[in-house]
Structure formats: structure tokens, C-alpha cells
C-alpha atoms as a PDB file:
ATOM      1  CA  MET A   1      73.812 168.673  90.102  1.00  0.00           C
ATOM      2  CA  THR A   2      76.281 168.378  87.045  1.00  0.00           C
ATOM      3  CA  PRO A   3      79.794 168.182  88.181  1.00  0.00           C
ATOM      4  CA  GLU A   4      80.170 171.475  87.160  1.00  0.00           C
ATOM      5  CA  GLU A   5      77.412 173.026  89.477  1.00  0.00           C
ATOM      6  CA  LEU A   6      78.700 170.558  92.369  1.00  0.00           C
ATOM      7  CA  GLU A   7      82.021 172.635  91.861  1.00  0.00           C
ATOM      8  CA  ALA A   8      80.447 175.807  91.544  1.00  0.00           C
ATOM      9  CA  ALA A   9      78.567 174.763  94.777  1.00  0.00           C
ATOM     10  CA  LEU A  10      81.621 173.985  96.660  1.00  0.00           C
ATOM     11  CA  ARG A  11      83.391 177.118  95.887  1.00  0.00           C
ATOM     12  CA  ALA A  12      80.595 179.239  97.027  1.00  0.00           C
ATOM     13  CA  VAL A  13      81.283 177.464 100.461  1.00  0.00           C
ATOM     14  CA  GLY A  14      84.730 178.784 100.281  1.00  0.00           C
ATOM     15  CA  ALA A  15      83.625 182.284  99.154  1.00  0.00           C
ATOM     16  CA  ALA A  16      81.565 182.701 102.330  1.00  0.00           C
ATOM     17  CA  ARG A  17      83.016 180.517 104.840  1.00  0.00           C
ATOM     18  CA  TYR A  18      86.888 180.121 103.999  1.00  0.00           C
ATOM     19  CA  HIS A  19      88.958 181.690 107.109  1.00  0.00           C
ATOM     20  CA  ASP A  20      90.535 184.365 105.051  1.00  0.00           C
ATOM     21  CA  LYS A  21      87.654 186.186 106.048  1.00  0.00           C
ATOM     22  CA  HIS A  22      88.347 186.222 109.603  1.00  0.00           C
ATOM     23  CA  PRO A  23      89.006 189.141 111.442  1.00  0.00           C
ATOM     24  CA  PHE A  24      92.470 187.968 112.943  1.00  0.00           C
ATOM     25  CA  HIS A  25      93.834 187.376 109.646  1.00  0.00           C
ATOM     26  CA  ALA A  26      93.084 190.935 108.372  1.00  0.00           C
ATOM     27  CA  LEU A  27      95.233 191.843 111.710  1.00  0.00           C
ATOM     28  CA  LEU A  28      97.866 189.390 110.953  1.00  0.00           C
ATOM     29  CA  HIS A  29      98.185 190.276 107.314  1.00  0.00           C
ATOM     30  CA  GLY A  30      97.920 194.089 108.009  1.00  0.00           C
ATOM     31  CA  GLY A  31     100.576 194.252 110.422  1.00  0.00           C
ATOM     32  CA  LYS A  32      98.262 194.893 113.464  1.00  0.00           C
ATOM     33  CA  LEU A  33      99.603 192.356 115.696  1.00  0.00           C
ATOM     34  CA  THR A  34     102.222 192.260 118.187  1.00  0.00           C
ATOM     35  CA  ILE A  35     105.252 190.007 117.879  1.00  0.00           C
ATOM     36  CA  ASP A  36     103.554 187.746 120.624  1.00  0.00           C
ATOM     37  CA  GLN A  37     100.169 187.599 118.941  1.00  0.00           C
ATOM     38  CA  VAL A  38     102.212 186.338 116.024  1.00  0.00           C
ATOM     39  CA  ARG A  39     104.136 183.944 117.965  1.00  0.00           C
ATOM     40  CA  ALA A  40     100.964 182.627 119.401  1.00  0.00           C
ATOM     41  CA  TRP A  41      99.267 181.963 115.779  1.00  0.00           C
ATOM     42  CA  ALA A  42     102.793 180.154 114.982  1.00  0.00           C
ATOM     43  CA  LEU A  43     102.663 177.907 117.968  1.00  0.00           C
ATOM     44  CA  ASN A  44      99.002 176.942 117.472  1.00  0.00           C
ATOM     45  CA  ARG A  45      99.350 176.698 114.002  1.00  0.00           C
ATOM     46  CA  TYR A  46     101.934 174.140 114.353  1.00  0.00           C
ATOM     47  CA  TYR A  47      99.842 171.659 115.991  1.00  0.00           C
ATOM     48  CA  TYR A  48      97.570 171.781 112.829  1.00  0.00           C
ATOM     49  CA  GLN A  49     100.626 171.189 110.659  1.00  0.00           C
ATOM     50  CA  SER A  50     101.621 168.462 112.894  1.00  0.00           C
ATOM     51  CA  ARG A  51      98.381 166.472 112.681  1.00  0.00           C
ATOM     52  CA  ILE A  52      97.903 166.836 108.650  1.00  0.00           C
ATOM     53  CA  PRO A  53     100.213 163.487 108.262  1.00  0.00           C
ATOM     54  CA  LEU A  54      98.337 161.941 110.870  1.00  0.00           C
ATOM     55  CA  LYS A  55      94.689 162.562 108.993  1.00  0.00           C
ATOM     56  CA  ASP A  56      96.506 161.558 105.578  1.00  0.00           C
ATOM     57  CA  ALA A  57      97.815 158.507 106.695  1.00  0.00           C
ATOM     58  CA  ALA A  58      94.297 157.564 108.070  1.00  0.00           C
ATOM     59  CA  LEU A  59      92.795 158.213 104.797  1.00  0.00           C
ATOM     60  CA  LEU A  60      95.503 156.281 103.072  1.00  0.00           C
ATOM     61  CA  ALA A  61      94.871 153.306 105.282  1.00  0.00           C
ATOM     62  CA  ARG A  62      91.360 153.065 103.738  1.00  0.00           C
ATOM     63  CA  LEU A  63      92.211 153.640 100.144  1.00  0.00           C
ATOM     64  CA  GLU A  64      92.154 150.304  98.296  1.00  0.00           C
ATOM     65  CA  ASP A  65      93.053 151.595  94.778  1.00  0.00           C
ATOM     66  CA  PRO A  66      97.079 151.732  94.514  1.00  0.00           C
ATOM     67  CA  ALA A  67      96.692 154.759  91.973  1.00  0.00           C
ATOM     68  CA  LEU A  68      94.917 156.161  94.737  1.00  0.00           C
ATOM     69  CA  ARG A  69      97.290 155.580  97.282  1.00  0.00           C
ATOM     70  CA  ARG A  70     100.146 156.697  95.260  1.00  0.00           C
ATOM     71  CA  SER A  71      98.552 160.210  94.582  1.00  0.00           C
ATOM     72  CA  TRP A  72      97.454 160.827  98.286  1.00  0.00           C
ATOM     73  CA  ARG A  73     100.811 159.366  99.838  1.00  0.00           C
ATOM     74  CA  GLN A  74     102.453 162.266  98.606  1.00  0.00           C
ATOM     75  CA  ARG A  75     100.756 164.633 101.014  1.00  0.00           C
ATOM     76  CA  ILE A  76     102.618 162.752 103.798  1.00  0.00           C
ATOM     77  CA  ILE A  77     105.805 162.940 102.012  1.00  0.00           C
ATOM     78  CA  ASP A  78     105.366 167.031 101.481  1.00  0.00           C
ATOM     79  CA  HIS A  79     104.861 167.123 105.231  1.00  0.00           C
ATOM     80  CA  ASP A  80     107.139 164.699 106.596  1.00  0.00           C
ATOM     81  CA  GLY A  81     109.931 165.054 103.984  1.00  0.00           C
ATOM     82  CA  GLU A  82     111.811 162.168 102.599  1.00  0.00           C
ATOM     83  CA  ARG A  83     114.754 162.569 105.497  1.00  0.00           C
ATOM     84  CA  GLU A  84     115.525 164.389 108.418  1.00  0.00           C
ATOM     85  CA  GLY A  85     115.298 167.946 108.490  1.00  0.00           C
ATOM     86  CA  ASP A  86     113.235 167.904 105.222  1.00  0.00           C
ATOM     87  CA  GLY A  87     109.323 168.601 104.636  1.00  0.00           C
ATOM     88  CA  GLY A  88     106.614 171.217 105.749  1.00  0.00           C
ATOM     89  CA  ILE A  89     106.508 170.265 109.490  1.00  0.00           C
ATOM     90  CA  GLU A  90     110.291 170.981 109.496  1.00  0.00           C
ATOM     91  CA  ARG A  91     109.784 174.695 107.600  1.00  0.00           C
ATOM     92  CA  TRP A  92     107.012 175.421 110.396  1.00  0.00           C
ATOM     93  CA  LEU A  93     109.536 174.521 112.969  1.00  0.00           C
ATOM     94  CA  ARG A  94     111.990 177.047 111.109  1.00  0.00           C
ATOM     95  CA  LEU A  95     109.357 179.689 111.550  1.00  0.00           C
ATOM     96  CA  THR A  96     108.735 179.244 115.710  1.00  0.00           C
ATOM     97  CA  ASP A  97     112.683 179.048 115.613  1.00  0.00           C
ATOM     98  CA  SER A  98     112.872 182.475 114.109  1.00  0.00           C
ATOM     99  CA  LEU A  99     110.035 183.439 116.628  1.00  0.00           C
ATOM    100  CA  GLY A 100     112.078 182.463 119.604  1.00  0.00           C
ATOM    101  CA  PHE A 101     110.414 179.263 120.554  1.00  0.00           C
ATOM    102  CA  ASP A 102     112.141 176.135 121.994  1.00  0.00           C
ATOM    103  CA  ARG A 103     111.502 173.334 119.280  1.00  0.00           C
ATOM    104  CA  ALA A 104     110.693 170.866 122.097  1.00  0.00           C
ATOM    105  CA  TYR A 105     108.267 173.277 123.621  1.00  0.00           C
ATOM    106  CA  VAL A 106     106.839 173.546 120.179  1.00  0.00           C
ATOM    107  CA  ALA A 107     106.789 169.739 119.165  1.00  0.00           C
ATOM    108  CA  SER A 108     105.279 168.781 122.611  1.00  0.00           C
ATOM    109  CA  ALA A 109     102.183 171.000 121.992  1.00  0.00           C
ATOM    110  CA  ARG A 110     101.989 171.840 125.665  1.00  0.00           C
ATOM    111  CA  GLY A 111     100.894 175.549 125.216  1.00  0.00           C
ATOM    112  CA  VAL A 112      98.676 174.850 122.388  1.00  0.00           C
ATOM    113  CA  LEU A 113      94.807 176.132 123.205  1.00  0.00           C
ATOM    114  CA  PRO A 114      92.622 173.747 124.133  1.00  0.00           C
ATOM    115  CA  ALA A 115      89.987 174.967 121.417  1.00  0.00           C
ATOM    116  CA  THR A 116      92.787 174.754 118.866  1.00  0.00           C
ATOM    117  CA  ARG A 117      93.488 171.076 120.064  1.00  0.00           C
ATOM    118  CA  PHE A 118      89.716 169.937 119.916  1.00  0.00           C
ATOM    119  CA  ALA A 119      89.261 171.810 116.788  1.00  0.00           C
ATOM    120  CA  VAL A 120      92.349 169.807 115.080  1.00  0.00           C
ATOM    121  CA  ASP A 121      91.508 166.532 116.673  1.00  0.00           C
ATOM    122  CA  ALA A 122      88.141 166.736 115.133  1.00  0.00           C
ATOM    123  CA  TYR A 123      89.289 166.964 111.797  1.00  0.00           C
ATOM    124  CA  VAL A 124      91.576 163.903 112.223  1.00  0.00           C
ATOM    125  CA  HIS A 125      88.678 161.973 113.512  1.00  0.00           C
ATOM    126  CA  PHE A 126      86.127 163.147 110.861  1.00  0.00           C
ATOM    127  CA  VAL A 127      88.760 162.046 108.102  1.00  0.00           C
ATOM    128  CA  ALA A 128      89.483 158.637 109.821  1.00  0.00           C
ATOM    129  CA  GLU A 129      85.651 157.955 110.460  1.00  0.00           C
ATOM    130  CA  ARG A 130      83.557 159.613 107.868  1.00  0.00           C
ATOM    131  CA  PRO A 131      83.004 157.849 104.373  1.00  0.00           C
ATOM    132  CA  LEU A 132      85.808 158.161 102.065  1.00  0.00           C
ATOM    133  CA  LEU A 133      84.150 160.652  99.624  1.00  0.00           C
ATOM    134  CA  GLU A 134      83.423 162.854 102.449  1.00  0.00           C
ATOM    135  CA  ALA A 135      86.934 162.523 103.911  1.00  0.00           C
ATOM    136  CA  ILE A 136      88.440 163.552 100.647  1.00  0.00           C
ATOM    137  CA  ALA A 137      86.093 166.479 100.132  1.00  0.00           C
ATOM    138  CA  SER A 138      87.014 167.695 103.412  1.00  0.00           C
ATOM    139  CA  SER A 139      90.654 168.386 101.996  1.00  0.00           C
ATOM    140  CA  LEU A 140      88.899 170.834  99.462  1.00  0.00           C
ATOM    141  CA  THR A 141      89.850 174.024 101.322  1.00  0.00           C
ATOM    142  CA  GLU A 142      92.935 173.584  99.341  1.00  0.00           C
ATOM    143  CA  LEU A 143      91.171 174.945  96.470  1.00  0.00           C
ATOM    144  CA  PHE A 144      91.345 178.350  98.035  1.00  0.00           C
ATOM    145  CA  ALA A 145      94.641 178.320 100.061  1.00  0.00           C
ATOM    146  CA  PRO A 146      97.050 179.891  97.094  1.00  0.00           C
ATOM    147  CA  GLY A 147      95.121 183.295  97.542  1.00  0.00           C
ATOM    148  CA  ILE A 148      95.509 183.577 101.048  1.00  0.00           C
ATOM    149  CA  ILE A 149      98.845 182.216 101.196  1.00  0.00           C
ATOM    150  CA  ALA A 150     100.425 184.993  98.723  1.00  0.00           C
ATOM    151  CA  ASN A 151      98.214 187.725 100.608  1.00  0.00           C
ATOM    152  CA  ARG A 152      99.876 186.373 103.979  1.00  0.00           C
ATOM    153  CA  VAL A 153     103.644 186.141 102.964  1.00  0.00           C
ATOM    154  CA  ALA A 154     103.451 189.771 101.359  1.00  0.00           C
ATOM    155  CA  GLY A 155     101.422 191.201 104.189  1.00  0.00           C
ATOM    156  CA  MET A 156     103.976 189.644 106.636  1.00  0.00           C
ATOM    157  CA  LEU A 157     107.058 190.449 104.939  1.00  0.00           C
ATOM    158  CA  ALA A 158     105.888 194.130 104.468  1.00  0.00           C
ATOM    159  CA  ASN A 159     104.775 195.044 108.077  1.00  0.00           C
ATOM    160  CA  TYR A 160     106.914 192.821 110.349  1.00  0.00           C
ATOM    161  CA  ASP A 161     110.688 193.150 110.995  1.00  0.00           C
ATOM    162  CA  PHE A 162     110.827 190.401 112.703  1.00  0.00           C
ATOM    163  CA  VAL A 163     109.941 187.960 109.987  1.00  0.00           C
ATOM    164  CA  SER A 164     111.830 186.919 107.168  1.00  0.00           C
ATOM    165  CA  LYS A 165     111.399 185.425 103.589  1.00  0.00           C
ATOM    166  CA  GLU A 166     113.580 182.337 104.766  1.00  0.00           C
ATOM    167  CA  ALA A 167     111.294 181.869 108.100  1.00  0.00           C
ATOM    168  CA  LEU A 168     108.303 181.855 105.570  1.00  0.00           C
ATOM    169  CA  ALA A 169     109.574 179.096 103.420  1.00  0.00           C
ATOM    170  CA  TYR A 170     106.764 176.482 104.516  1.00  0.00           C
ATOM    171  CA  PHE A 171     104.460 178.713 102.086  1.00  0.00           C
ATOM    172  CA  ASP A 172     106.843 178.794  99.157  1.00  0.00           C
ATOM    173  CA  LYS A 173     106.216 175.078  98.658  1.00  0.00           C
ATOM    174  CA  ARG A 174     102.363 175.265  99.452  1.00  0.00           C
ATOM    175  CA  LEU A 175     101.932 177.386  96.407  1.00  0.00           C
ATOM    176  CA  THR A 176     102.088 174.655  94.139  1.00  0.00           C
ATOM    177  CA  GLN A 177     101.536 171.647  96.551  1.00  0.00           C
ATOM    178  CA  ALA A 178      98.107 173.068  97.271  1.00  0.00           C
ATOM    179  CA  PRO A 179      96.588 173.450  93.814  1.00  0.00           C
ATOM    180  CA  ARG A 180      98.098 169.963  92.980  1.00  0.00           C
ATOM    181  CA  ASP A 181      96.214 168.352  95.865  1.00  0.00           C
ATOM    182  CA  ALA A 182      93.194 170.553  95.422  1.00  0.00           C
ATOM    183  CA  ASP A 183      92.582 169.560  91.676  1.00  0.00           C
ATOM    184  CA  PHE A 184      93.099 165.793  92.671  1.00  0.00           C
ATOM    185  CA  ALA A 185      90.668 165.993  95.306  1.00  0.00           C
ATOM    186  CA  LEU A 186      88.017 167.928  93.311  1.00  0.00           C
ATOM    187  CA  ASP A 187      88.472 165.950  90.170  1.00  0.00           C
ATOM    188  CA  TYR A 188      87.880 162.767  92.614  1.00  0.00           C
ATOM    189  CA  VAL A 189      84.643 164.487  94.208  1.00  0.00           C
ATOM    190  CA  LYS A 190      83.035 165.591  91.022  1.00  0.00           C
ATOM    191  CA  ARG A 191      83.518 162.032  89.753  1.00  0.00           C
ATOM    192  CA  GLU A 192      82.415 160.131  92.632  1.00  0.00           C
ATOM    193  CA  ALA A 193      79.254 162.321  93.996  1.00  0.00           C
ATOM    194  CA  ARG A 194      76.723 161.470  91.665  1.00  0.00           C
ATOM    195  CA  ARG A 195      73.517 161.285  93.876  1.00  0.00           C
ATOM    196  CA  PRO A 196      71.901 164.128  95.630  1.00  0.00           C
ATOM    197  CA  ASP A 197      72.853 162.826  99.123  1.00  0.00           C
ATOM    198  CA  GLN A 198      76.621 162.572  98.137  1.00  0.00           C
ATOM    199  CA  GLN A 199      76.646 165.743  96.616  1.00  0.00           C
ATOM    200  CA  GLN A 200      75.049 167.479  99.970  1.00  0.00           C
ATOM    201  CA  ALA A 201      77.569 165.258 102.167  1.00  0.00           C
ATOM    202  CA  VAL A 202      80.793 166.546 100.141  1.00  0.00           C
ATOM    203  CA  ILE A 203      79.408 170.070 100.513  1.00  0.00           C
ATOM    204  CA  ALA A 204      78.743 169.575 104.264  1.00  0.00           C
ATOM    205  CA  ALA A 205      82.152 167.970 104.724  1.00  0.00           C
ATOM    206  CA  LEU A 206      83.968 171.006 103.190  1.00  0.00           C
ATOM    207  CA  THR A 207      81.681 173.321 105.205  1.00  0.00           C
ATOM    208  CA  PHE A 208      83.012 171.184 108.272  1.00  0.00           C
ATOM    209  CA  LYS A 209      86.624 171.759 107.690  1.00  0.00           C
ATOM    210  CA  CYS A 210      86.183 175.871 107.306  1.00  0.00           C
ATOM    211  CA  ASP A 211      84.549 175.657 110.341  1.00  0.00           C
ATOM    212  CA  VAL A 212      87.790 173.652 111.939  1.00  0.00           C
ATOM    213  CA  LEU A 213      89.951 176.272 110.086  1.00  0.00           C
ATOM    214  CA  TRP A 214      87.637 179.486 111.586  1.00  0.00           C
ATOM    215  CA  ALA A 215      87.347 177.922 114.914  1.00  0.00           C
ATOM    216  CA  GLN A 216      91.036 177.806 115.600  1.00  0.00           C
ATOM    217  CA  LEU A 217      91.390 181.530 114.506  1.00  0.00           C
ATOM    218  CA  ASP A 218      88.434 182.206 116.902  1.00  0.00           C
ATOM    219  CA  ALA A 219      90.355 180.491 119.889  1.00  0.00           C
ATOM    220  CA  LEU A 220      93.511 182.870 119.021  1.00  0.00           C
ATOM    221  CA  HIS A 221      91.496 185.993 118.704  1.00  0.00           C
ATOM    222  CA  PHE A 222      89.779 185.348 122.366  1.00  0.00           C
ATOM    223  CA  ALA A 223      93.009 184.152 123.981  1.00  0.00           C
ATOM    224  CA  TYR A 224      95.427 186.953 122.549  1.00  0.00           C
ATOM    225  CA  VAL A 225      93.534 189.746 121.001  1.00  0.00           C
ATOM    226  CA  GLU A 226      90.399 190.506 122.417  1.00  0.00           C
ATOM    227  CA  PRO A 227      89.574 189.790 125.515  1.00  0.00           C
ATOM    228  CA  GLY A 228      92.742 188.333 125.873  1.00  0.00           C
ATOM    229  CA  LEU A 229      91.680 185.358 128.019  1.00  0.00           C
ATOM    230  CA  VAL A 230      94.397 182.938 127.507  1.00  0.00           C
ATOM    231  CA  THR A 231      93.225 179.385 128.982  1.00  0.00           C
ATOM    232  CA  PRO A 232      95.158 177.912 131.986  1.00  0.00           C
ATOM    233  CA  GLY A 233      98.169 176.004 130.734  1.00  0.00           C
ATOM    234  CA  ALA A 234      98.268 177.444 127.452  1.00  0.00           C
ATOM    235  CA  TRP A 235     101.264 179.661 126.228  1.00  0.00           C
ATOM    236  CA  GLN A 236     101.454 183.120 127.964  1.00  0.00           C
ATOM    237  CA  PRO A 237     103.362 185.753 126.579  1.00  0.00           C
END
């Protein structure tokens, strides 16, 4: 494929498999969830947020080009912040604060569903162990993030009186950070994936990441919506 054809193939993966199409998201954005179901989403999603700097650090350690390292390390700064009380993880904790969770409990991940943990950990291992081109390609779900973020914020503010704009501040930053990161990763993949086997590998990597995101919503829906079977040890409303 030409670089443009490869980009089209990658975007087709997102069009078919990105988790904005999951029924749980329709419920979340449409105001159809109870406060406890929203709390379950925020609690479990924290585990994913908390592991993003770990997967980025694993990738950073494999980059031999200083220019690439300088670009990629910004992702860690975005989530960890430059100082205490800053960064995306802190902003997500403000959301769980607003929903009534104790910070120590959220950070401990004791209440996270096992399926959430397995899916997120699989992503971290993928980035640490797969070839660098595939590891970078797996981040390309950020191509599709701005649309879902805009819908999520608008829908939640319109439909839930227990959610405030301040509580959703995490997403404000992501509206600019995600496109920046996606453009960098897409340029890298289009430039470096030249052989057919490389191109198929990066498509598979993006497919895998879409599956990771989808699996997390499957777990939430099964435990807290239908049939409502919460795994022993996970958070119980």
C-alpha cells in the first residue's frame, strides 16, 4: 500500500471497531446510566489511565533516537504532570473524587474488575514486547478520540446533574493532546511501515488496541448493567 492507502486502512479499523460503538457508551452519553454505573465506569477507567505512563515509559526505553524520545516523553508528562497535583491522572482522580470515591481506594485498584485489569495489562505487555513499529501503531486509537470526547462531555453534562464541567476537566486537555499524539504516531507508521508484512502488522496492532478498549466496556456492561454479575472482590455499589 501507499502511505495514503495505509492510513485509509487504519482509519477503516477505527470506523468499524472503535469503542464509541459499544452499547455501554450509548448508555453513558445518553444519560441512561445510574450514578453507580457511572461510578463503576470512572473507577475502572482509572486503572487504564494509571497504566498509560507505564506503557509509554516501556516504549520510551526502547527508542534509540533522541528526537523520538523527546517527542514521546511528552505523553508521560501529560499524564503524570510536571509536579504534584498536575497531569491527566490527577484530573481523573478529581472526577472520582466528585463521584464520592476515596482516593486511596481508587489508586489501590482493589475494586477494579479482573477483566479490566487483564485487558489493560495485556496492552502494557504488548507495547513493551512487540516490535517498536507495532507498539507505536497501537496508540493510533487516538485518531478517533476527539469525536468520542466531545460527545461524552456534552452528553454527560446534559444528562447527569451529578457531573460538572470541572469534574470532566481531564477531557479538555485530551482534545488537543490526542490529535497531537495521533499525528506523530501516524506519520511514523506511514513512514516506517513500507513492506506488506509491516503494514499488516500495524493494522493488527491497531485492531488489538481497539479490542482492549472494547473488552473493558464488555466487562463494565456485564458487571454493572446486564446481567449485573459483579466479580467477587470488585467494587459493589
